[in-house]
PDB file of N, CA and C in Angstrom:
ATOM      1  N   ILE A   1       2.135  18.942  -8.722  1.00  0.00           N
ATOM      2  CA  ILE A   1       2.185  19.680  -8.044  1.00  0.00           C
ATOM      3  C   ILE A   1       1.551  20.703  -7.531  1.00  0.00           C
ATOM      4  N   PHE A   2       0.733  20.838  -8.847  1.00  0.00           N
ATOM      5  CA  PHE A   2      -0.431  22.138  -8.308  1.00  0.00           C
ATOM      6  C   PHE A   2      -1.201  21.453  -7.846  1.00  0.00           C
ATOM      7  N   TYR A   3      -1.599  20.344  -8.335  1.00  0.00           N
ATOM      8  CA  TYR A   3      -2.647  19.353  -7.616  1.00  0.00           C
ATOM      9  C   TYR A   3      -3.017  18.858  -5.746  1.00  0.00           C
ATOM     10  N   ALA A   4      -1.402  18.801  -5.179  1.00  0.00           N
ATOM     11  CA  ALA A   4      -0.924  18.832  -4.206  1.00  0.00           C
ATOM     12  C   ALA A   4      -1.392  20.134  -3.783  1.00  0.00           C
ATOM     13  N   ARG A   5      -0.574  20.934  -4.223  1.00  0.00           N
ATOM     14  CA  ARG A   5      -0.719  22.796  -3.814  1.00  0.00           C
ATOM     15  C   ARG A   5      -2.529  23.077  -3.504  1.00  0.00           C
ATOM     16  N   LYS A   6      -3.396  22.544  -4.521  1.00  0.00           N
ATOM     17  CA  LYS A   6      -4.846  22.674  -4.589  1.00  0.00           C
ATOM     18  C   LYS A   6      -5.507  22.043  -3.112  1.00  0.00           C
ATOM     19  N   TYR A   7      -4.944  21.022  -3.012  1.00  0.00           N
ATOM     20  CA  TYR A   7      -6.246  20.032  -2.064  1.00  0.00           C
ATOM     21  C   TYR A   7      -4.946  19.416  -0.925  1.00  0.00           C
ATOM     22  N   GLY A   8      -3.657  20.043  -0.908  1.00  0.00           N
ATOM     23  CA  GLY A   8      -3.031  19.907   0.512  1.00  0.00           C
ATOM     24  C   GLY A   8      -3.344  18.429   1.389  1.00  0.00           C
ATOM     25  N   ARG A   9      -3.403  18.507   2.351  1.00  0.00           N
ATOM     26  CA  ARG A   9      -3.905  17.410   3.140  1.00  0.00           C
ATOM     27  C   ARG A   9      -5.406  16.503   2.576  1.00  0.00           C
ATOM     28  N   GLN A  10      -5.772  16.274   2.436  1.00  0.00           N
ATOM     29  CA  GLN A  10      -7.153  16.308   1.867  1.00  0.00           C
ATOM     30  C   GLN A  10      -6.625  14.712   0.919  1.00  0.00           C
ATOM     31  N   LEU A  11      -5.432  14.980   0.205  1.00  0.00           N
ATOM     32  CA  LEU A  11      -4.458  13.893  -0.480  1.00  0.00           C
ATOM     33  C   LEU A  11      -5.060  12.289  -0.348  1.00  0.00           C
ATOM     34  N   PHE A  12      -4.275  12.874   1.051  1.00  0.00           N
ATOM     35  CA  PHE A  12      -4.604  11.509   2.417  1.00  0.00           C
ATOM     36  C   PHE A  12      -5.921  11.108   2.515  1.00  0.00           C
ATOM     37  N   TRP A  13      -7.293  12.056   2.714  1.00  0.00           N
ATOM     38  CA  TRP A  13      -7.888  11.264   3.475  1.00  0.00           C
ATOM     39  C   TRP A  13      -8.370   9.822   2.760  1.00  0.00           C
ATOM     40  N   PRO A  14      -8.561   9.304   3.964  1.00  0.00           N
ATOM     41  CA  PRO A  14      -9.142   7.870   3.178  1.00  0.00           C
ATOM     42  C   PRO A  14     -10.741   7.945   2.343  1.00  0.00           C
ATOM     43  N   SER A  15     -11.327   9.118   1.802  1.00  0.00           N
ATOM     44  CA  SER A  15     -12.732   9.256   0.883  1.00  0.00           C
ATOM     45  C   SER A  15     -11.885  10.074  -0.561  1.00  0.00           C
ATOM     46  N   GLY A  16     -10.715  10.478  -0.367  1.00  0.00           N
ATOM     47  CA  GLY A  16     -10.121  11.109  -1.555  1.00  0.00           C
ATOM     48  C   GLY A  16     -10.184  13.365  -1.517  1.00  0.00           C
ATOM     49  N   THR A  17      -9.997  13.433  -2.198  1.00  0.00           N
ATOM     50  CA  THR A  17     -10.072  14.952  -2.619  1.00  0.00           C
ATOM     51  C   THR A  17     -11.203  14.691  -3.139  1.00  0.00           C
ATOM     52  N   LYS A  18     -12.148  13.990  -3.548  1.00  0.00           N
ATOM     53  CA  LYS A  18     -14.039  14.509  -4.388  1.00  0.00           C
ATOM     54  C   LYS A  18     -14.721  14.011  -3.404  1.00  0.00           C
ATOM     55  N   GLY A  19     -13.798  13.754  -1.955  1.00  0.00           N
ATOM     56  CA  GLY A  19     -15.148  12.828  -0.854  1.00  0.00           C
ATOM     57  C   GLY A  19     -16.089  11.612  -0.758  1.00  0.00           C
ATOM     58  N   LEU A  20     -15.275  11.181  -2.062  1.00  0.00           N
ATOM     59  CA  LEU A  20     -16.259   9.887  -3.059  1.00  0.00           C
ATOM     60  C   LEU A  20     -15.102   8.151  -2.499  1.00  0.00           C
ATOM     61  N   GLY A  21     -16.047   7.629  -2.492  1.00  0.00           N
ATOM     62  CA  GLY A  21     -15.529   6.734  -2.679  1.00  0.00           C
ATOM     63  C   GLY A  21     -15.875   5.711  -1.046  1.00  0.00           C
ATOM     64  N   ASP A  22     -15.798   4.269  -1.284  1.00  0.00           N
ATOM     65  CA  ASP A  22     -16.114   3.572  -0.344  1.00  0.00           C
ATOM     66  C   ASP A  22     -14.596   2.542  -0.243  1.00  0.00           C
ATOM     67  N   ARG A  23     -14.955   3.024   1.234  1.00  0.00           N
ATOM     68  CA  ARG A  23     -13.407   2.220   1.552  1.00  0.00           C
ATOM     69  C   ARG A  23     -13.699   1.141   2.340  1.00  0.00           C
ATOM     70  N   SER A  24     -14.674   1.127   2.861  1.00  0.00           N
ATOM     71  CA  SER A  24     -15.316  -0.496   3.487  1.00  0.00           C
ATOM     72  C   SER A  24     -15.053  -1.470   3.581  1.00  0.00           C
ATOM     73  N   LYS A  25     -14.461  -1.749   2.721  1.00  0.00           N
ATOM     74  CA  LYS A  25     -13.256  -3.127   2.225  1.00  0.00           C
ATOM     75  C   LYS A  25     -12.264  -3.585   2.813  1.00  0.00           C
ATOM     76  N   TRP A  26     -11.555  -2.244   2.641  1.00  0.00           N
ATOM     77  CA  TRP A  26     -10.222  -2.231   3.270  1.00  0.00           C
ATOM     78  C   TRP A  26     -10.196  -2.876   5.059  1.00  0.00           C
ATOM     79  N   LEU A  27      -8.748  -3.458   4.948  1.00  0.00           N
ATOM     80  CA  LEU A  27      -9.460  -4.003   6.632  1.00  0.00           C
ATOM     81  C   LEU A  27      -9.077  -2.763   7.801  1.00  0.00           C
ATOM     82  N   PRO A  28      -9.220  -2.697   8.462  1.00  0.00           N
ATOM     83  CA  PRO A  28      -9.258  -1.757  10.037  1.00  0.00           C
ATOM     84  C   PRO A  28      -7.964  -1.935   9.895  1.00  0.00           C
ATOM     85  N   VAL A  29      -6.930  -0.690   9.848  1.00  0.00           N
ATOM     86  CA  VAL A  29      -5.015  -0.560  10.396  1.00  0.00           C
ATOM     87  C   VAL A  29      -4.651  -1.092  11.265  1.00  0.00           C
ATOM     88  N   ASP A  30      -5.561  -1.004  12.323  1.00  0.00           N
ATOM     89  CA  ASP A  30      -5.108  -1.376  13.871  1.00  0.00           C
ATOM     90  C   ASP A  30      -5.804  -2.700  14.081  1.00  0.00           C
ATOM     91  N   SER A  31      -6.282  -3.541  12.870  1.00  0.00           N
ATOM     92  CA  SER A  31      -6.671  -4.757  13.198  1.00  0.00           C
ATOM     93  C   SER A  31      -6.017  -5.989  13.251  1.00  0.00           C
ATOM     94  N   LYS A  32      -5.729  -6.572  14.131  1.00  0.00           N
ATOM     95  CA  LYS A  32      -4.916  -7.808  14.008  1.00  0.00           C
ATOM     96  C   LYS A  32      -4.462  -8.559  12.834  1.00  0.00           C
ATOM     97  N   GLU A  33      -5.164  -8.891  11.983  1.00  0.00           N
ATOM     98  CA  GLU A  33      -5.189  -9.331  11.175  1.00  0.00           C
ATOM     99  C   GLU A  33      -4.566  -8.448   9.946  1.00  0.00           C
ATOM    100  N   SER A  34      -4.729  -7.322   9.808  1.00  0.00           N
ATOM    101  CA  SER A  34      -4.227  -6.430   8.756  1.00  0.00           C
ATOM    102  C   SER A  34      -2.559  -6.502   9.492  1.00  0.00           C
ATOM    103  N   LYS A  35      -2.381  -6.221  10.865  1.00  0.00           N
ATOM    104  CA  LYS A  35      -1.122  -6.522  11.025  1.00  0.00           C
ATOM    105  C   LYS A  35      -0.095  -7.205  10.555  1.00  0.00           C
ATOM    106  N   HIS A  36      -0.992  -8.194  10.280  1.00  0.00           N
ATOM    107  CA  HIS A  36      -0.222  -9.844  10.011  1.00  0.00           C
ATOM    108  C   HIS A  36       0.251  -9.055   8.735  1.00  0.00           C
ATOM    109  N   LYS A  37      -0.962  -8.966   7.544  1.00  0.00           N
ATOM    110  CA  LYS A  37      -0.663  -9.471   6.059  1.00  0.00           C
ATOM    111  C   LYS A  37       0.513  -7.963   6.234  1.00  0.00           C
ATOM    112  N   PHE A  38       0.239  -7.218   6.663  1.00  0.00           N
ATOM    113  CA  PHE A  38       1.197  -5.568   6.558  1.00  0.00           C
ATOM    114  C   PHE A  38       2.866  -6.620   6.566  1.00  0.00           C
ATOM    115  N   MET A  39       2.829  -7.176   7.626  1.00  0.00           N
ATOM    116  CA  MET A  39       4.016  -7.564   8.286  1.00  0.00           C
ATOM    117  C   MET A  39       4.619  -8.170   7.174  1.00  0.00           C
ATOM    118  N   GLN A  40       3.707  -9.445   6.505  1.00  0.00           N
ATOM    119  CA  GLN A  40       3.914 -10.241   5.718  1.00  0.00           C
ATOM    120  C   GLN A  40       4.197  -9.518   4.526  1.00  0.00           C
ATOM    121  N   TRP A  41       3.753  -8.592   4.219  1.00  0.00           N
ATOM    122  CA  TRP A  41       4.243  -8.012   2.363  1.00  0.00           C
ATOM    123  C   TRP A  41       5.097  -7.639   3.446  1.00  0.00           C
ATOM    124  N   CYS A  42       5.847  -6.639   3.980  1.00  0.00           N
ATOM    125  CA  CYS A  42       7.353  -6.225   4.808  1.00  0.00           C
ATOM    126  C   CYS A  42       8.049  -6.500   4.146  1.00  0.00           C
ATOM    127  N   GLN A  43       8.221  -7.844   4.665  1.00  0.00           N
ATOM    128  CA  GLN A  43       8.807  -8.910   4.655  1.00  0.00           C
ATOM    129  C   GLN A  43       9.078  -9.890   3.584  1.00  0.00           C
ATOM    130  N   GLY A  44       8.454 -10.061   2.437  1.00  0.00           N
ATOM    131  CA  GLY A  44       8.554 -10.517   1.205  1.00  0.00           C
ATOM    132  C   GLY A  44       8.265 -12.097   1.481  1.00  0.00           C
ATOM    133  N   ASN A  45       7.294 -11.959   2.373  1.00  0.00           N
ATOM    134  CA  ASN A  45       6.249 -13.156   2.909  1.00  0.00           C
ATOM    135  C   ASN A  45       5.004 -13.431   2.604  1.00  0.00           C
ATOM    136  N   THR A  46       4.499 -13.153   1.162  1.00  0.00           N
ATOM    137  CA  THR A  46       3.185 -13.158   1.020  1.00  0.00           C
ATOM    138  C   THR A  46       3.223 -14.469   0.266  1.00  0.00           C
ATOM    139  N   GLY A  47       3.906 -14.994  -0.617  1.00  0.00           N
ATOM    140  CA  GLY A  47       3.349 -16.795  -0.461  1.00  0.00           C
ATOM    141  C   GLY A  47       3.163 -15.855  -2.301  1.00  0.00           C
ATOM    142  N   ILE A  48       3.412 -15.071  -2.381  1.00  0.00           N
ATOM    143  CA  ILE A  48       3.633 -14.654  -3.876  1.00  0.00           C
ATOM    144  C   ILE A  48       5.078 -14.510  -5.069  1.00  0.00           C
ATOM    145  N   PRO A  49       5.910 -15.052  -5.795  1.00  0.00           N
ATOM    146  CA  PRO A  49       6.919 -14.514  -5.367  1.00  0.00           C
ATOM    147  C   PRO A  49       7.395 -13.309  -6.345  1.00  0.00           C
ATOM    148  N   LEU A  50       5.812 -12.464  -7.388  1.00  0.00           N
ATOM    149  CA  LEU A  50       6.903 -11.417  -7.914  1.00  0.00           C
ATOM    150  C   LEU A  50       6.879 -10.497  -6.218  1.00  0.00           C
ATOM    151  N   VAL A  51       5.685 -10.195  -5.793  1.00  0.00           N
ATOM    152  CA  VAL A  51       5.868  -9.400  -4.735  1.00  0.00           C
ATOM    153  C   VAL A  51       6.793  -9.611  -3.501  1.00  0.00           C
ATOM    154  N   ASP A  52       7.114 -11.018  -3.416  1.00  0.00           N
ATOM    155  CA  ASP A  52       8.143 -11.345  -2.347  1.00  0.00           C
ATOM    156  C   ASP A  52       9.460 -11.088  -3.169  1.00  0.00           C
ATOM    157  N   ALA A  53       9.526 -10.989  -4.030  1.00  0.00           N
ATOM    158  CA  ALA A  53      11.287 -10.723  -4.280  1.00  0.00           C
ATOM    159  C   ALA A  53      11.349  -9.752  -4.636  1.00  0.00           C
ATOM    160  N   ASN A  54      10.606  -8.725  -4.674  1.00  0.00           N
ATOM    161  CA  ASN A  54      10.337  -7.111  -4.781  1.00  0.00           C
ATOM    162  C   ASN A  54      11.039  -6.540  -3.688  1.00  0.00           C
ATOM    163  N   MET A  55       9.666  -6.668  -2.716  1.00  0.00           N
ATOM    164  CA  MET A  55      10.031  -6.651  -1.411  1.00  0.00           C
ATOM    165  C   MET A  55      11.238  -7.365  -0.528  1.00  0.00           C
ATOM    166  N   ARG A  56      11.625  -8.654  -1.025  1.00  0.00           N
ATOM    167  CA  ARG A  56      12.706  -8.320  -0.314  1.00  0.00           C
ATOM    168  C   ARG A  56      14.864  -7.563  -1.214  1.00  0.00           C
ATOM    169  N   GLU A  57      14.142  -7.489  -2.248  1.00  0.00           N
ATOM    170  CA  GLU A  57      14.932  -6.945  -3.020  1.00  0.00           C
ATOM    171  C   GLU A  57      14.982  -5.419  -2.635  1.00  0.00           C
ATOM    172  N   LEU A  58      13.912  -4.830  -2.230  1.00  0.00           N
ATOM    173  CA  LEU A  58      13.866  -3.459  -1.304  1.00  0.00           C
ATOM    174  C   LEU A  58      14.419  -4.043   0.663  1.00  0.00           C
ATOM    175  N   VAL A  59      14.359  -4.747   0.762  1.00  0.00           N
ATOM    176  CA  VAL A  59      15.323  -5.026   2.062  1.00  0.00           C
ATOM    177  C   VAL A  59      16.406  -5.137   2.085  1.00  0.00           C
ATOM    178  N   ALA A  60      16.975  -5.462   1.281  1.00  0.00           N
ATOM    179  CA  ALA A  60      18.629  -5.874   0.931  1.00  0.00           C
ATOM    180  C   ALA A  60      19.244  -4.650   0.011  1.00  0.00           C
ATOM    181  N   THR A  61      18.288  -3.953  -0.238  1.00  0.00           N
ATOM    182  CA  THR A  61      19.495  -3.241  -0.978  1.00  0.00           C
ATOM    183  C   THR A  61      19.174  -1.622  -1.282  1.00  0.00           C
ATOM    184  N   GLY A  62      17.383  -1.497  -0.515  1.00  0.00           N
ATOM    185  CA  GLY A  62      16.557  -0.018  -0.331  1.00  0.00           C
ATOM    186  C   GLY A  62      15.970   0.113  -2.075  1.00  0.00           C
ATOM    187  N   PHE A  63      16.578  -0.819  -2.608  1.00  0.00           N
ATOM    188  CA  PHE A  63      15.960   0.028  -4.291  1.00  0.00           C
ATOM    189  C   PHE A  63      14.659  -0.851  -4.458  1.00  0.00           C
ATOM    190  N   MET A  64      14.010  -0.691  -5.239  1.00  0.00           N
ATOM    191  CA  MET A  64      12.926  -1.774  -6.182  1.00  0.00           C
ATOM    192  C   MET A  64      12.636  -0.607  -7.293  1.00  0.00           C
ATOM    193  N   SER A  65      12.271  -1.340  -8.226  1.00  0.00           N
ATOM    194  CA  SER A  65      12.420  -0.563  -9.985  1.00  0.00           C
ATOM    195  C   SER A  65      10.681  -0.449  -9.540  1.00  0.00           C
ATOM    196  N   ASN A  66      10.904   0.965 -11.163  1.00  0.00           N
ATOM    197  CA  ASN A  66       9.096   1.933 -10.486  1.00  0.00           C
ATOM    198  C   ASN A  66       8.581   0.720 -11.048  1.00  0.00           C
ATOM    199  N   ARG A  67       8.732  -0.780 -11.398  1.00  0.00           N
ATOM    200  CA  ARG A  67       7.161  -1.142 -12.313  1.00  0.00           C
ATOM    201  C   ARG A  67       7.123  -1.716 -10.779  1.00  0.00           C
ATOM    202  N   GLY A  68       8.768  -2.589 -10.164  1.00  0.00           N
ATOM    203  CA  GLY A  68       8.086  -3.509  -9.210  1.00  0.00           C
ATOM    204  C   GLY A  68       7.032  -2.701  -7.593  1.00  0.00           C
ATOM    205  N   ARG A  69       7.111  -1.235  -7.754  1.00  0.00           N
ATOM    206  CA  ARG A  69       6.534  -0.441  -7.049  1.00  0.00           C
ATOM    207  C   ARG A  69       5.380  -0.547  -7.358  1.00  0.00           C
ATOM    208  N   GLN A  70       4.957  -0.048  -8.747  1.00  0.00           N
ATOM    209  CA  GLN A  70       3.768  -1.006  -8.661  1.00  0.00           C
ATOM    210  C   GLN A  70       2.761  -1.673  -8.826  1.00  0.00           C
ATOM    211  N   ASN A  71       4.007  -3.438  -8.836  1.00  0.00           N
ATOM    212  CA  ASN A  71       2.735  -4.231  -8.449  1.00  0.00           C
ATOM    213  C   ASN A  71       2.653  -4.192  -7.125  1.00  0.00           C
ATOM    214  N   VAL A  72       3.834  -4.398  -6.268  1.00  0.00           N
ATOM    215  CA  VAL A  72       3.662  -4.571  -4.956  1.00  0.00           C
ATOM    216  C   VAL A  72       2.476  -3.308  -4.484  1.00  0.00           C
ATOM    217  N   ALA A  73       2.265  -1.847  -4.975  1.00  0.00           N
ATOM    218  CA  ALA A  73       1.548  -1.211  -4.065  1.00  0.00           C
ATOM    219  C   ALA A  73       0.003  -1.682  -4.224  1.00  0.00           C
ATOM    220  N   SER A  74      -0.101  -1.920  -5.771  1.00  0.00           N
ATOM    221  CA  SER A  74      -1.511  -2.592  -6.047  1.00  0.00           C
ATOM    222  C   SER A  74      -1.884  -4.222  -5.525  1.00  0.00           C
ATOM    223  N   PHE A  75      -1.153  -5.164  -5.019  1.00  0.00           N
ATOM    224  CA  PHE A  75      -1.105  -6.096  -4.599  1.00  0.00           C
ATOM    225  C   PHE A  75      -1.768  -5.851  -3.020  1.00  0.00           C
ATOM    226  N   LEU A  76      -0.784  -4.701  -2.600  1.00  0.00           N
ATOM    227  CA  LEU A  76      -1.542  -4.226  -1.192  1.00  0.00           C
ATOM    228  C   LEU A  76      -2.375  -3.646  -1.251  1.00  0.00           C
ATOM    229  N   VAL A  77      -3.251  -3.238  -2.160  1.00  0.00           N
ATOM    230  CA  VAL A  77      -4.643  -2.502  -2.533  1.00  0.00           C
ATOM    231  C   VAL A  77      -5.728  -3.457  -2.465  1.00  0.00           C
ATOM    232  N   HIS A  78      -5.411  -4.065  -3.320  1.00  0.00           N
ATOM    233  CA  HIS A  78      -6.417  -5.246  -4.074  1.00  0.00           C
ATOM    234  C   HIS A  78      -6.306  -6.148  -3.603  1.00  0.00           C
ATOM    235  N   ASP A  79      -5.092  -7.097  -3.443  1.00  0.00           N
ATOM    236  CA  ASP A  79      -5.349  -8.000  -2.541  1.00  0.00           C
ATOM    237  C   ASP A  79      -5.534  -8.416  -1.233  1.00  0.00           C
ATOM    238  N   LEU A  80      -4.169  -7.161  -0.786  1.00  0.00           N
ATOM    239  CA  LEU A  80      -4.789  -7.723   1.094  1.00  0.00           C
ATOM    240  C   LEU A  80      -5.117  -6.820   1.219  1.00  0.00           C
ATOM    241  N   ASN A  81      -6.294  -6.046   0.770  1.00  0.00           N
ATOM    242  CA  ASN A  81      -7.109  -5.072   1.508  1.00  0.00           C
ATOM    243  C   ASN A  81      -6.668  -4.376   1.984  1.00  0.00           C
ATOM    244  N   LEU A  82      -5.603  -3.863   1.966  1.00  0.00           N
ATOM    245  CA  LEU A  82      -5.247  -2.230   2.937  1.00  0.00           C
ATOM    246  C   LEU A  82      -5.604  -1.110   2.473  1.00  0.00           C
ATOM    247  N   ASP A  83      -5.733  -0.276   3.505  1.00  0.00           N
ATOM    248  CA  ASP A  83      -5.319   1.272   3.101  1.00  0.00           C
ATOM    249  C   ASP A  83      -3.695   1.304   2.209  1.00  0.00           C
ATOM    250  N   TRP A  84      -4.096   2.334   0.922  1.00  0.00           N
ATOM    251  CA  TRP A  84      -2.335   2.489   0.621  1.00  0.00           C
ATOM    252  C   TRP A  84      -1.569   3.553   1.478  1.00  0.00           C
ATOM    253  N   ARG A  85      -2.460   4.257   2.073  1.00  0.00           N
ATOM    254  CA  ARG A  85      -1.704   5.267   2.910  1.00  0.00           C
ATOM    255  C   ARG A  85      -0.438   4.233   3.714  1.00  0.00           C
ATOM    256  N   LEU A  86      -0.243   3.121   4.205  1.00  0.00           N
ATOM    257  CA  LEU A  86       0.201   2.222   4.810  1.00  0.00           C
ATOM    258  C   LEU A  86       1.435   1.795   4.029  1.00  0.00           C
ATOM    259  N   GLY A  87       1.584   1.719   3.301  1.00  0.00           N
ATOM    260  CA  GLY A  87       2.501   1.489   2.396  1.00  0.00           C
ATOM    261  C   GLY A  87       3.436   3.023   1.583  1.00  0.00           C
ATOM    262  N   ALA A  88       2.536   4.112   1.870  1.00  0.00           N
ATOM    263  CA  ALA A  88       2.852   5.257   1.302  1.00  0.00           C
ATOM    264  C   ALA A  88       4.754   5.025   1.778  1.00  0.00           C
TER     265      ALA A  88
END
């Protein structure tokens, strides 16, 4: 909470709170490819069973375990190269 109080909206800047980091590997949020990948991820149709099972559980029940959230978030950022804020 203190970190959020200190940095406020800067937490959600693409460059982060320090203004560092190269986010050029991320796909543009408004591109057709990123929208398609994001929708596949949301619907649990990525082709990766672990990710798909967690996303389908979320759609069906509104719940996902903490480990599941970590896994699907990691997949969103590192495998699909999408901005983490899409999944927030």
